[in-house]
Amino acid sequence: IGLGTKVYSKDNVEAGGEVVPPDPKEVWTGADELANSPEPERTKAEYLTAPYEFDDAATGGKVKAISFCVPLVASGNFVGVAGVDYSLNTLKEFAALYNSDDRYAFIIAGDATLIAHPKEEAVGKPLGEAIPDLDAKYGITEKLRSGQPFHYVDTALATGKRALVIYTPFQIGKSAPWSFGMSIDYDLMLAPVK
């Protein structure tokens, strides 16, 4: 499922080196992200990175990914980071497991970017750009940033039909809250009770 597991020491990340040699077929630029992020050292807690993109040496293409990172702490001192990278395609496949004729699932990153959604052109966009009217009407981005669960009934992005849209936040360590969402066709949901 993961793209690869990495372990970095504080000194080697700052120097751009890795403690665990990478697979020679793989070029990963996440060390730059870790070196430029104070989060693992500052929080000493697990976290999810914001989505990022890197060049895949094996395919010559670009890969969009996130990293789940665990700071390594010895005697109360930060000494490094261990992490696993996940392709956004993996998250999209996970969300698609919950799709059916009357519903679809989606995932929103901690920076309010839509990272898994059946409407491909919306993926990678901030919610304020993907669904500006709904974001303004319901304050979606602000609620997600505060980790507040909520729902509304309105037009679904992927289907254009009236739907119950549910946002359930989750948080790992000190990272910004992410959300798992579900859009359920409102008329089909209520059909058995009408």
N, C-alpha and C. Protein backbone atom coordinates (compact mmCIF):
# COMPACT_ATOMS: atom_id res chain seq x y z
N ILE A 1 0.83 -1.19 0.00
CA ILE A 1 0.00 0.00 0.00
C ILE A 1 0.87 1.24 0.00
N GLY A 2 1.86 1.30 0.88
CA GLY A 2 2.72 2.47 0.94
C GLY A 2 3.74 2.47 -0.18
N LEU A 3 4.23 3.66 -0.52
CA LEU A 3 5.25 3.78 -1.56
C LEU A 3 6.62 3.38 -1.04
N GLY A 4 6.83 3.49 0.25
CA GLY A 4 8.12 3.14 0.82
C GLY A 4 8.23 3.66 2.23
N THR A 5 9.06 3.03 3.00
CA THR A 5 9.28 3.45 4.38
C THR A 5 10.64 4.11 4.46
N LYS A 6 10.71 5.21 5.18
CA LYS A 6 11.95 5.97 5.31
C LYS A 6 12.23 6.26 6.77
N VAL A 7 13.49 6.34 7.12
CA VAL A 7 13.89 6.77 8.45
C VAL A 7 14.96 7.83 8.27
N TYR A 8 14.79 8.96 8.92
CA TYR A 8 15.71 10.09 8.80
C TYR A 8 16.22 10.49 10.16
N SER A 9 17.49 10.80 10.27
CA SER A 9 17.99 11.39 11.50
C SER A 9 17.97 12.89 11.31
N LYS A 10 17.88 13.63 12.39
CA LYS A 10 17.83 15.08 12.32
C LYS A 10 19.03 15.62 11.55
N ASP A 11 20.22 15.15 11.88
CA ASP A 11 21.42 15.65 11.22
C ASP A 11 21.44 15.30 9.73
N ASN A 12 21.06 14.08 9.39
CA ASN A 12 21.08 13.69 7.98
C ASN A 12 20.01 14.38 7.16
N VAL A 13 18.82 14.63 7.75
CA VAL A 13 17.78 15.35 7.00
C VAL A 13 18.27 16.76 6.69
N GLU A 14 18.88 17.40 7.69
CA GLU A 14 19.39 18.75 7.46
C GLU A 14 20.48 18.76 6.39
N ALA A 15 21.23 17.66 6.29
CA ALA A 15 22.29 17.56 5.29
C ALA A 15 21.76 16.96 3.98
N GLY A 16 20.50 16.53 3.99
CA GLY A 16 19.90 15.96 2.79
C GLY A 16 20.16 14.48 2.63
N GLY A 17 20.69 13.80 3.66
CA GLY A 17 20.99 12.38 3.57
C GLY A 17 19.96 11.53 4.25
N GLU A 18 19.95 10.23 3.95
CA GLU A 18 19.02 9.28 4.54
C GLU A 18 19.78 8.27 5.37
N VAL A 19 19.20 7.85 6.48
CA VAL A 19 19.81 6.83 7.31
C VAL A 19 19.63 5.47 6.66
N VAL A 20 18.43 5.18 6.15
CA VAL A 20 18.15 3.92 5.48
C VAL A 20 18.30 4.16 3.98
N PRO A 21 19.23 3.46 3.30
CA PRO A 21 19.41 3.70 1.86
C PRO A 21 18.12 3.39 1.11
N PRO A 22 17.75 4.24 0.15
CA PRO A 22 16.52 4.01 -0.61
C PRO A 22 16.72 2.93 -1.66
N ASP A 23 15.62 2.40 -2.12
CA ASP A 23 15.64 1.49 -3.26
C ASP A 23 16.26 2.27 -4.43
N PRO A 24 17.23 1.72 -5.14
CA PRO A 24 17.88 2.46 -6.22
C PRO A 24 16.92 2.88 -7.33
N LYS A 25 15.76 2.20 -7.46
CA LYS A 25 14.79 2.56 -8.50
C LYS A 25 13.94 3.76 -8.08
N GLU A 26 14.08 4.17 -6.82
CA GLU A 26 13.19 5.18 -6.28
C GLU A 26 13.93 6.49 -5.99
N VAL A 27 13.34 7.58 -6.40
CA VAL A 27 13.87 8.89 -6.04
C VAL A 27 12.77 9.58 -5.27
N TRP A 28 13.02 9.91 -4.03
CA TRP A 28 12.00 10.51 -3.17
C TRP A 28 12.48 11.86 -2.69
N THR A 29 11.68 12.88 -2.88
CA THR A 29 12.09 14.23 -2.48
C THR A 29 11.48 14.65 -1.16
N GLY A 30 10.84 13.72 -0.46
CA GLY A 30 10.22 14.03 0.81
C GLY A 30 11.22 14.51 1.85
N ALA A 31 12.51 14.14 1.72
CA ALA A 31 13.51 14.61 2.68
C ALA A 31 13.56 16.13 2.68
N ASP A 32 13.37 16.75 1.50
CA ASP A 32 13.33 18.21 1.44
C ASP A 32 12.17 18.74 2.25
N GLU A 33 11.00 18.09 2.14
CA GLU A 33 9.83 18.53 2.89
C GLU A 33 10.07 18.40 4.39
N LEU A 34 10.65 17.26 4.81
CA LEU A 34 10.92 17.06 6.24
C LEU A 34 11.95 18.07 6.75
N ALA A 35 12.97 18.33 5.95
CA ALA A 35 14.01 19.26 6.38
C ALA A 35 13.47 20.67 6.52
N ASN A 36 12.44 21.01 5.73
CA ASN A 36 11.88 22.36 5.78
C ASN A 36 10.69 22.46 6.72
N SER A 37 10.31 21.39 7.37
CA SER A 37 9.16 21.40 8.26
C SER A 37 9.61 21.27 9.71
N PRO A 38 9.19 22.18 10.57
CA PRO A 38 9.55 22.08 11.98
C PRO A 38 8.63 21.14 12.75
N GLU A 39 7.58 20.61 12.11
CA GLU A 39 6.55 19.85 12.81
C GLU A 39 7.06 18.64 13.58
N PRO A 40 7.86 17.75 13.00
CA PRO A 40 8.23 16.56 13.77
C PRO A 40 9.02 16.90 15.03
N GLU A 41 9.89 17.86 14.92
CA GLU A 41 10.68 18.23 16.09
C GLU A 41 9.86 19.04 17.08
N ARG A 42 9.03 19.95 16.57
CA ARG A 42 8.26 20.84 17.44
C ARG A 42 7.21 20.08 18.25
N THR A 43 6.46 19.19 17.58
CA THR A 43 5.33 18.53 18.24
C THR A 43 5.69 17.22 18.92
N LYS A 44 6.74 16.57 18.44
CA LYS A 44 7.10 15.23 18.93
C LYS A 44 5.88 14.30 18.90
N ALA A 45 5.04 14.44 17.86
CA ALA A 45 3.83 13.63 17.73
C ALA A 45 3.67 13.16 16.29
N GLU A 46 2.89 12.11 16.08
CA GLU A 46 2.61 11.60 14.75
C GLU A 46 1.89 12.68 13.95
N TYR A 47 2.07 12.64 12.65
CA TYR A 47 1.36 13.61 11.82
C TYR A 47 1.29 13.13 10.37
N LEU A 48 0.35 13.71 9.64
CA LEU A 48 0.22 13.50 8.20
C LEU A 48 0.68 14.77 7.50
N THR A 49 1.48 14.63 6.47
CA THR A 49 1.91 15.80 5.71
C THR A 49 0.78 16.26 4.79
N ALA A 50 0.88 17.47 4.34
CA ALA A 50 -0.01 17.94 3.27
C ALA A 50 0.39 17.20 2.00
N PRO A 51 -0.50 17.07 1.04
CA PRO A 51 -0.13 16.41 -0.21
C PRO A 51 1.03 17.13 -0.91
N TYR A 52 1.91 16.36 -1.51
CA TYR A 52 3.04 16.91 -2.26
C TYR A 52 3.26 16.06 -3.50
N GLU A 53 4.09 16.52 -4.39
CA GLU A 53 4.35 15.83 -5.65
C GLU A 53 5.85 15.61 -5.80
N PHE A 54 6.23 14.47 -6.38
CA PHE A 54 7.64 14.22 -6.65
C PHE A 54 7.79 13.46 -7.96
N ASP A 55 8.99 13.48 -8.51
CA ASP A 55 9.31 12.76 -9.75
C ASP A 55 9.55 11.30 -9.43
N ASP A 56 8.94 10.42 -10.19
CA ASP A 56 9.14 8.99 -10.02
C ASP A 56 10.18 8.54 -11.05
N ALA A 57 11.36 8.18 -10.56
CA ALA A 57 12.45 7.79 -11.46
C ALA A 57 12.10 6.53 -12.25
N ALA A 58 11.29 5.64 -11.67
CA ALA A 58 10.96 4.39 -12.35
C ALA A 58 10.06 4.62 -13.57
N THR A 59 9.12 5.57 -13.47
CA THR A 59 8.18 5.79 -14.57
C THR A 59 8.46 7.07 -15.35
N GLY A 60 9.24 7.97 -14.75
CA GLY A 60 9.48 9.25 -15.38
C GLY A 60 8.34 10.23 -15.19
N GLY A 61 7.30 9.80 -14.47
CA GLY A 61 6.14 10.66 -14.24
C GLY A 61 6.17 11.32 -12.88
N LYS A 62 5.10 11.99 -12.58
CA LYS A 62 4.93 12.65 -11.28
C LYS A 62 4.04 11.78 -10.40
N VAL A 63 4.32 11.77 -9.11
CA VAL A 63 3.51 11.04 -8.13
C VAL A 63 3.05 12.04 -7.09
N LYS A 64 1.75 12.04 -6.81
CA LYS A 64 1.20 12.85 -5.73
C LYS A 64 1.07 11.93 -4.53
N ALA A 65 1.54 12.41 -3.37
CA ALA A 65 1.59 11.55 -2.20
C ALA A 65 1.41 12.36 -0.91
N ILE A 66 1.25 11.62 0.17
CA ILE A 66 1.30 12.17 1.52
C ILE A 66 2.26 11.28 2.30
N SER A 67 2.71 11.74 3.44
CA SER A 67 3.55 10.92 4.29
C SER A 67 2.94 10.87 5.68
N PHE A 68 2.91 9.67 6.25
CA PHE A 68 2.55 9.49 7.65
C PHE A 68 3.87 9.38 8.38
N CYS A 69 4.11 10.28 9.32
CA CYS A 69 5.41 10.36 9.97
C CYS A 69 5.30 10.22 11.48
N VAL A 70 6.30 9.55 12.04
CA VAL A 70 6.38 9.38 13.48
C VAL A 70 7.74 9.91 13.92
N PRO A 71 7.77 10.98 14.73
CA PRO A 71 9.05 11.48 15.22
C PRO A 71 9.72 10.44 16.12
N LEU A 72 11.03 10.33 16.01
CA LEU A 72 11.80 9.44 16.87
C LEU A 72 12.38 10.27 18.00
N VAL A 73 12.05 9.88 19.22
CA VAL A 73 12.45 10.64 20.40
C VAL A 73 13.18 9.69 21.33
N ALA A 74 14.38 10.07 21.77
CA ALA A 74 15.17 9.28 22.71
C ALA A 74 15.50 10.15 23.91
N SER A 75 15.16 9.69 25.09
CA SER A 75 15.40 10.44 26.32
C SER A 75 14.82 11.86 26.24
N GLY A 76 13.66 11.98 25.60
CA GLY A 76 12.99 13.28 25.48
C GLY A 76 13.53 14.17 24.38
N ASN A 77 14.56 13.71 23.65
CA ASN A 77 15.16 14.52 22.59
C ASN A 77 14.77 13.99 21.22
N PHE A 78 14.40 14.91 20.34
CA PHE A 78 14.09 14.56 18.96
C PHE A 78 15.36 14.11 18.26
N VAL A 79 15.32 12.89 17.64
CA VAL A 79 16.50 12.39 16.94
C VAL A 79 16.25 12.08 15.48
N GLY A 80 14.98 12.05 15.06
CA GLY A 80 14.72 11.75 13.66
C GLY A 80 13.25 11.52 13.39
N VAL A 81 12.97 11.03 12.19
CA VAL A 81 11.60 10.78 11.74
C VAL A 81 11.55 9.44 11.01
N ALA A 82 10.53 8.63 11.30
CA ALA A 82 10.25 7.42 10.53
C ALA A 82 8.92 7.66 9.84
N GLY A 83 8.79 7.24 8.60
CA GLY A 83 7.53 7.49 7.92
C GLY A 83 7.29 6.56 6.76
N VAL A 84 6.06 6.57 6.31
CA VAL A 84 5.67 5.81 5.12
C VAL A 84 4.91 6.76 4.20
N ASP A 85 5.18 6.63 2.92
CA ASP A 85 4.55 7.49 1.92
C ASP A 85 3.39 6.74 1.28
N TYR A 86 2.30 7.46 1.05
CA TYR A 86 1.14 6.87 0.39
C TYR A 86 0.79 7.70 -0.84
N SER A 87 0.65 7.03 -1.95
CA SER A 87 0.19 7.68 -3.17
C SER A 87 -1.25 8.13 -2.96
N LEU A 88 -1.61 9.29 -3.50
CA LEU A 88 -3.00 9.73 -3.40
C LEU A 88 -3.92 8.76 -4.12
N ASN A 89 -3.38 8.01 -5.09
CA ASN A 89 -4.19 6.97 -5.76
C ASN A 89 -4.63 5.91 -4.77
N THR A 90 -3.78 5.58 -3.79
CA THR A 90 -4.15 4.61 -2.76
C THR A 90 -5.32 5.13 -1.94
N LEU A 91 -5.29 6.42 -1.61
CA LEU A 91 -6.39 6.99 -0.84
C LEU A 91 -7.67 7.05 -1.67
N LYS A 92 -7.52 7.32 -2.95
CA LYS A 92 -8.69 7.35 -3.84
C LYS A 92 -9.32 5.95 -3.91
N GLU A 93 -8.50 4.92 -4.01
CA GLU A 93 -9.00 3.55 -4.04
C GLU A 93 -9.72 3.20 -2.75
N PHE A 94 -9.17 3.66 -1.62
CA PHE A 94 -9.81 3.42 -0.33
C PHE A 94 -11.19 4.07 -0.29
N ALA A 95 -11.28 5.33 -0.67
CA ALA A 95 -12.56 6.04 -0.66
C ALA A 95 -13.57 5.36 -1.59
N ALA A 96 -13.10 4.88 -2.74
CA ALA A 96 -13.99 4.25 -3.72
C ALA A 96 -14.62 2.96 -3.20
N LEU A 97 -14.03 2.35 -2.18
CA LEU A 97 -14.61 1.14 -1.59
C LEU A 97 -16.00 1.41 -1.02
N TYR A 98 -16.29 2.66 -0.70
CA TYR A 98 -17.57 3.04 -0.08
C TYR A 98 -18.58 3.57 -1.10
N ASN A 99 -18.22 3.58 -2.37
CA ASN A 99 -19.12 4.09 -3.40
C ASN A 99 -20.14 3.03 -3.82
N SER A 100 -21.34 3.49 -4.15
CA SER A 100 -22.38 2.62 -4.70
C SER A 100 -23.30 3.49 -5.55
N ASP A 101 -24.41 2.94 -5.98
CA ASP A 101 -25.33 3.69 -6.84
C ASP A 101 -25.90 4.93 -6.15
N ASP A 102 -26.03 4.88 -4.83
CA ASP A 102 -26.68 5.99 -4.13
C ASP A 102 -25.74 6.84 -3.28
N ARG A 103 -24.43 6.56 -3.33
CA ARG A 103 -23.50 7.33 -2.48
C ARG A 103 -22.08 7.26 -3.03
N TYR A 104 -21.28 8.23 -2.58
CA TYR A 104 -19.84 8.20 -2.86
C TYR A 104 -19.10 8.82 -1.69
N ALA A 105 -17.85 8.40 -1.54
CA ALA A 105 -17.01 8.90 -0.46
C ALA A 105 -15.93 9.80 -1.01
N PHE A 106 -15.37 10.64 -0.13
CA PHE A 106 -14.28 11.53 -0.52
C PHE A 106 -13.42 11.82 0.71
N ILE A 107 -12.19 12.28 0.45
CA ILE A 107 -11.25 12.58 1.53
C ILE A 107 -10.70 13.98 1.32
N ILE A 108 -10.63 14.72 2.43
CA ILE A 108 -10.11 16.09 2.40
C ILE A 108 -8.91 16.17 3.32
N ALA A 109 -7.79 16.67 2.81
CA ALA A 109 -6.55 16.80 3.59
C ALA A 109 -6.68 17.90 4.62
N GLY A 110 -5.73 17.94 5.53
CA GLY A 110 -5.72 18.93 6.60
C GLY A 110 -5.61 20.36 6.13
N ASP A 111 -5.14 20.56 4.90
CA ASP A 111 -5.07 21.92 4.36
C ASP A 111 -6.31 22.25 3.52
N ALA A 112 -7.38 21.45 3.69
CA ALA A 112 -8.67 21.62 3.00
C ALA A 112 -8.60 21.37 1.50
N THR A 113 -7.64 20.55 1.08
CA THR A 113 -7.52 20.16 -0.32
C THR A 113 -8.27 18.84 -0.52
N LEU A 114 -9.06 18.76 -1.57
CA LEU A 114 -9.79 17.55 -1.91
C LEU A 114 -8.77 16.58 -2.52
N ILE A 115 -8.52 15.45 -1.85
CA ILE A 115 -7.48 14.55 -2.35
C ILE A 115 -8.02 13.24 -2.90
N ALA A 116 -9.27 12.91 -2.61
CA ALA A 116 -9.89 11.72 -3.19
C ALA A 116 -11.36 12.05 -3.41
N HIS A 117 -11.79 11.94 -4.67
CA HIS A 117 -13.17 12.30 -5.02
C HIS A 117 -13.47 11.72 -6.40
N PRO A 118 -14.71 11.27 -6.64
CA PRO A 118 -15.02 10.72 -7.96
C PRO A 118 -14.97 11.74 -9.09
N LYS A 119 -15.10 13.01 -8.78
CA LYS A 119 -15.02 14.05 -9.82
C LYS A 119 -13.55 14.46 -9.93
N GLU A 120 -12.85 13.84 -10.88
CA GLU A 120 -11.40 14.00 -11.03
C GLU A 120 -10.92 15.45 -11.11
N GLU A 121 -11.65 16.30 -11.81
CA GLU A 121 -11.19 17.68 -11.97
C GLU A 121 -11.20 18.47 -10.66
N ALA A 122 -11.86 17.95 -9.64
CA ALA A 122 -11.88 18.62 -8.33
C ALA A 122 -10.70 18.21 -7.46
N VAL A 123 -10.11 17.05 -7.75
CA VAL A 123 -9.01 16.53 -6.93
C VAL A 123 -7.80 17.45 -7.04
N GLY A 124 -7.22 17.76 -5.88
CA GLY A 124 -6.05 18.63 -5.83
C GLY A 124 -6.41 20.09 -5.62
N LYS A 125 -7.69 20.40 -5.64
CA LYS A 125 -8.12 21.79 -5.44
C LYS A 125 -8.56 22.01 -4.00
N PRO A 126 -8.34 23.23 -3.49
CA PRO A 126 -8.90 23.57 -2.18
C PRO A 126 -10.43 23.58 -2.29
N LEU A 127 -11.11 23.28 -1.20
CA LEU A 127 -12.58 23.27 -1.22
C LEU A 127 -13.16 24.59 -1.71
N GLY A 128 -12.54 25.70 -1.32
CA GLY A 128 -13.02 27.01 -1.73
C GLY A 128 -13.00 27.20 -3.23
N GLU A 129 -12.19 26.41 -3.91
CA GLU A 129 -12.10 26.45 -5.37
C GLU A 129 -12.98 25.37 -6.01
N ALA A 130 -13.03 24.19 -5.39
CA ALA A 130 -13.79 23.07 -5.94
C ALA A 130 -15.29 23.27 -5.78
N ILE A 131 -15.70 23.79 -4.63
CA ILE A 131 -17.13 24.03 -4.35
C ILE A 131 -17.30 25.40 -3.68
N PRO A 132 -16.98 26.48 -4.39
CA PRO A 132 -16.98 27.80 -3.76
C PRO A 132 -18.33 28.21 -3.17
N ASP A 133 -19.43 27.94 -3.86
CA ASP A 133 -20.74 28.35 -3.35
C ASP A 133 -21.10 27.60 -2.07
N LEU A 134 -20.88 26.29 -2.07
CA LEU A 134 -21.20 25.49 -0.89
C LEU A 134 -20.26 25.83 0.27
N ASP A 135 -18.99 26.07 -0.04
CA ASP A 135 -18.03 26.42 1.01
C ASP A 135 -18.45 27.73 1.68
N ALA A 136 -18.86 28.72 0.87
CA ALA A 136 -19.30 30.01 1.43
C ALA A 136 -20.60 29.85 2.21
N LYS A 137 -21.53 29.09 1.67
CA LYS A 137 -22.85 28.92 2.29
C LYS A 137 -22.79 28.20 3.64
N TYR A 138 -21.95 27.15 3.73
CA TYR A 138 -21.92 26.33 4.94
C TYR A 138 -20.64 26.50 5.78
N GLY A 139 -19.68 27.29 5.32
CA GLY A 139 -18.44 27.47 6.07
C GLY A 139 -17.66 26.18 6.21
N ILE A 140 -17.63 25.39 5.14
CA ILE A 140 -17.04 24.05 5.19
C ILE A 140 -15.56 24.09 5.60
N THR A 141 -14.78 24.90 4.92
CA THR A 141 -13.34 24.95 5.20
C THR A 141 -13.07 25.28 6.66
N GLU A 142 -13.75 26.28 7.19
CA GLU A 142 -13.53 26.67 8.59
C GLU A 142 -13.94 25.57 9.56
N LYS A 143 -15.05 24.91 9.27
CA LYS A 143 -15.49 23.81 10.15
C LYS A 143 -14.49 22.66 10.11
N LEU A 144 -13.99 22.34 8.92
CA LEU A 144 -13.02 21.25 8.82
C LEU A 144 -11.73 21.59 9.54
N ARG A 145 -11.27 22.81 9.40
CA ARG A 145 -10.03 23.22 10.08
C ARG A 145 -10.15 23.15 11.59
N SER A 146 -11.37 23.34 12.11
CA SER A 146 -11.57 23.27 13.56
C SER A 146 -11.85 21.83 14.02
N GLY A 147 -11.94 20.89 13.06
CA GLY A 147 -12.18 19.50 13.41
C GLY A 147 -13.63 19.22 13.78
N GLN A 148 -14.54 20.06 13.31
CA GLN A 148 -15.95 19.94 13.67
C GLN A 148 -16.70 19.05 12.69
N PRO A 149 -17.35 17.96 13.16
CA PRO A 149 -18.17 17.15 12.25
C PRO A 149 -19.45 17.92 11.90
N PHE A 150 -19.94 17.74 10.70
CA PHE A 150 -21.17 18.43 10.31
C PHE A 150 -21.73 17.80 9.04
N HIS A 151 -22.92 18.25 8.68
CA HIS A 151 -23.58 17.76 7.47
C HIS A 151 -24.53 18.83 6.94
N TYR A 152 -24.95 18.66 5.71
CA TYR A 152 -25.95 19.53 5.11
C TYR A 152 -26.64 18.76 3.98
N VAL A 153 -27.77 19.28 3.54
CA VAL A 153 -28.47 18.73 2.38
C VAL A 153 -28.43 19.79 1.30
N ASP A 154 -27.80 19.43 0.17
CA ASP A 154 -27.66 20.37 -0.95
C ASP A 154 -27.22 19.57 -2.18
N THR A 155 -26.79 20.26 -3.22
CA THR A 155 -26.37 19.60 -4.46
C THR A 155 -25.00 18.95 -4.30
N ALA A 156 -24.91 17.67 -4.67
CA ALA A 156 -23.65 16.93 -4.59
C ALA A 156 -22.74 17.31 -5.75
N LEU A 157 -21.45 17.46 -5.48
CA LEU A 157 -20.48 17.85 -6.50
C LEU A 157 -20.39 16.84 -7.64
N ALA A 158 -20.33 15.55 -7.34
CA ALA A 158 -20.11 14.54 -8.38
C ALA A 158 -21.36 14.21 -9.18
N THR A 159 -22.53 14.27 -8.54
CA THR A 159 -23.75 13.82 -9.23
C THR A 159 -24.66 14.96 -9.67
N GLY A 160 -24.54 16.11 -9.01
CA GLY A 160 -25.45 17.22 -9.31
C GLY A 160 -26.84 17.01 -8.73
N LYS A 161 -27.02 15.95 -7.94
CA LYS A 161 -28.30 15.64 -7.32
C LYS A 161 -28.34 16.13 -5.88
N ARG A 162 -29.55 16.26 -5.36
CA ARG A 162 -29.72 16.63 -3.96
C ARG A 162 -29.19 15.49 -3.10
N ALA A 163 -28.36 15.84 -2.12
CA ALA A 163 -27.72 14.80 -1.32
C ALA A 163 -27.51 15.25 0.12
N LEU A 164 -27.46 14.26 0.99
CA LEU A 164 -27.01 14.49 2.36
C LEU A 164 -25.49 14.35 2.31
N VAL A 165 -24.77 15.41 2.65
CA VAL A 165 -23.30 15.39 2.59
C VAL A 165 -22.79 15.46 4.02
N ILE A 166 -22.01 14.45 4.41
CA ILE A 166 -21.53 14.31 5.79
C ILE A 166 -20.01 14.42 5.81
N TYR A 167 -19.49 15.20 6.75
CA TYR A 167 -18.05 15.35 6.94
C TYR A 167 -17.69 14.84 8.33
N THR A 168 -16.77 13.89 8.38
CA THR A 168 -16.32 13.34 9.66
C THR A 168 -14.82 13.57 9.78
N PRO A 169 -14.41 14.49 10.66
CA PRO A 169 -12.97 14.76 10.79
C PRO A 169 -12.24 13.67 11.57
N PHE A 170 -10.97 13.52 11.27
CA PHE A 170 -10.09 12.65 12.05
C PHE A 170 -8.73 13.34 12.12
N GLN A 171 -7.99 13.03 13.15
CA GLN A 171 -6.71 13.69 13.35
C GLN A 171 -5.69 12.67 13.82
N ILE A 172 -4.49 12.77 13.30
CA ILE A 172 -3.40 11.91 13.72
C ILE A 172 -2.35 12.80 14.36
N GLY A 173 -2.05 12.53 15.62
CA GLY A 173 -1.06 13.34 16.34
C GLY A 173 -1.46 14.80 16.37
N LYS A 174 -0.54 15.65 16.00
CA LYS A 174 -0.77 17.10 16.03
C LYS A 174 -1.03 17.67 14.64
N SER A 175 -1.23 16.79 13.65
CA SER A 175 -1.48 17.28 12.29
C SER A 175 -2.84 17.96 12.23
N ALA A 176 -3.03 18.79 11.22
CA ALA A 176 -4.32 19.44 11.02
C ALA A 176 -5.38 18.36 10.76
N PRO A 177 -6.61 18.57 11.23
CA PRO A 177 -7.65 17.56 11.02
C PRO A 177 -7.93 17.31 9.53
N TRP A 178 -8.03 16.05 9.17
CA TRP A 178 -8.47 15.62 7.84
C TRP A 178 -9.94 15.26 7.97
N SER A 179 -10.61 15.02 6.84
CA SER A 179 -12.02 14.62 6.90
C SER A 179 -12.30 13.52 5.89
N PHE A 180 -13.12 12.57 6.34
CA PHE A 180 -13.69 11.56 5.46
C PHE A 180 -15.12 12.01 5.22
N GLY A 181 -15.52 12.09 3.97
CA GLY A 181 -16.85 12.56 3.65
C GLY A 181 -17.66 11.53 2.90
N MET A 182 -18.96 11.67 2.99
CA MET A 182 -19.88 10.79 2.29
C MET A 182 -21.02 11.64 1.74
N SER A 183 -21.34 11.43 0.48
CA SER A 183 -22.47 12.10 -0.16
C SER A 183 -23.49 11.02 -0.49
N ILE A 184 -24.70 11.14 0.06
CA ILE A 184 -25.74 10.13 -0.10
C ILE A 184 -26.93 10.75 -0.81
N ASP A 185 -27.36 10.13 -1.90
CA ASP A 185 -28.51 10.62 -2.67
C ASP A 185 -29.71 10.74 -1.72
N TYR A 186 -30.19 11.96 -1.55
CA TYR A 186 -31.23 12.26 -0.57
C TYR A 186 -32.56 11.57 -0.91
N ASP A 187 -32.98 11.64 -2.15
CA ASP A 187 -34.25 11.04 -2.55
C ASP A 187 -34.21 9.52 -2.43
N LEU A 188 -33.11 8.88 -2.83
CA LEU A 188 -33.00 7.43 -2.70
C LEU A 188 -32.95 7.01 -1.23
N MET A 189 -32.30 7.83 -0.41
CA MET A 189 -32.20 7.53 1.01
C MET A 189 -33.59 7.55 1.67
N LEU A 190 -34.43 8.51 1.27
CA LEU A 190 -35.75 8.65 1.88
C LEU A 190 -36.85 7.83 1.19
N ALA A 191 -36.55 7.25 0.03
CA ALA A 191 -37.57 6.51 -0.72
C ALA A 191 -38.28 5.43 0.11
N PRO A 192 -37.59 4.65 0.94
CA PRO A 192 -38.30 3.61 1.71
C PRO A 192 -39.31 4.16 2.72
N VAL A 193 -39.18 5.39 3.14
CA VAL A 193 -40.09 5.94 4.15
C VAL A 193 -41.14 6.87 3.56
N LYS A 194 -41.13 7.05 2.26
CA LYS A 194 -42.11 7.94 1.63
C LYS A 194 -43.39 7.20 1.31
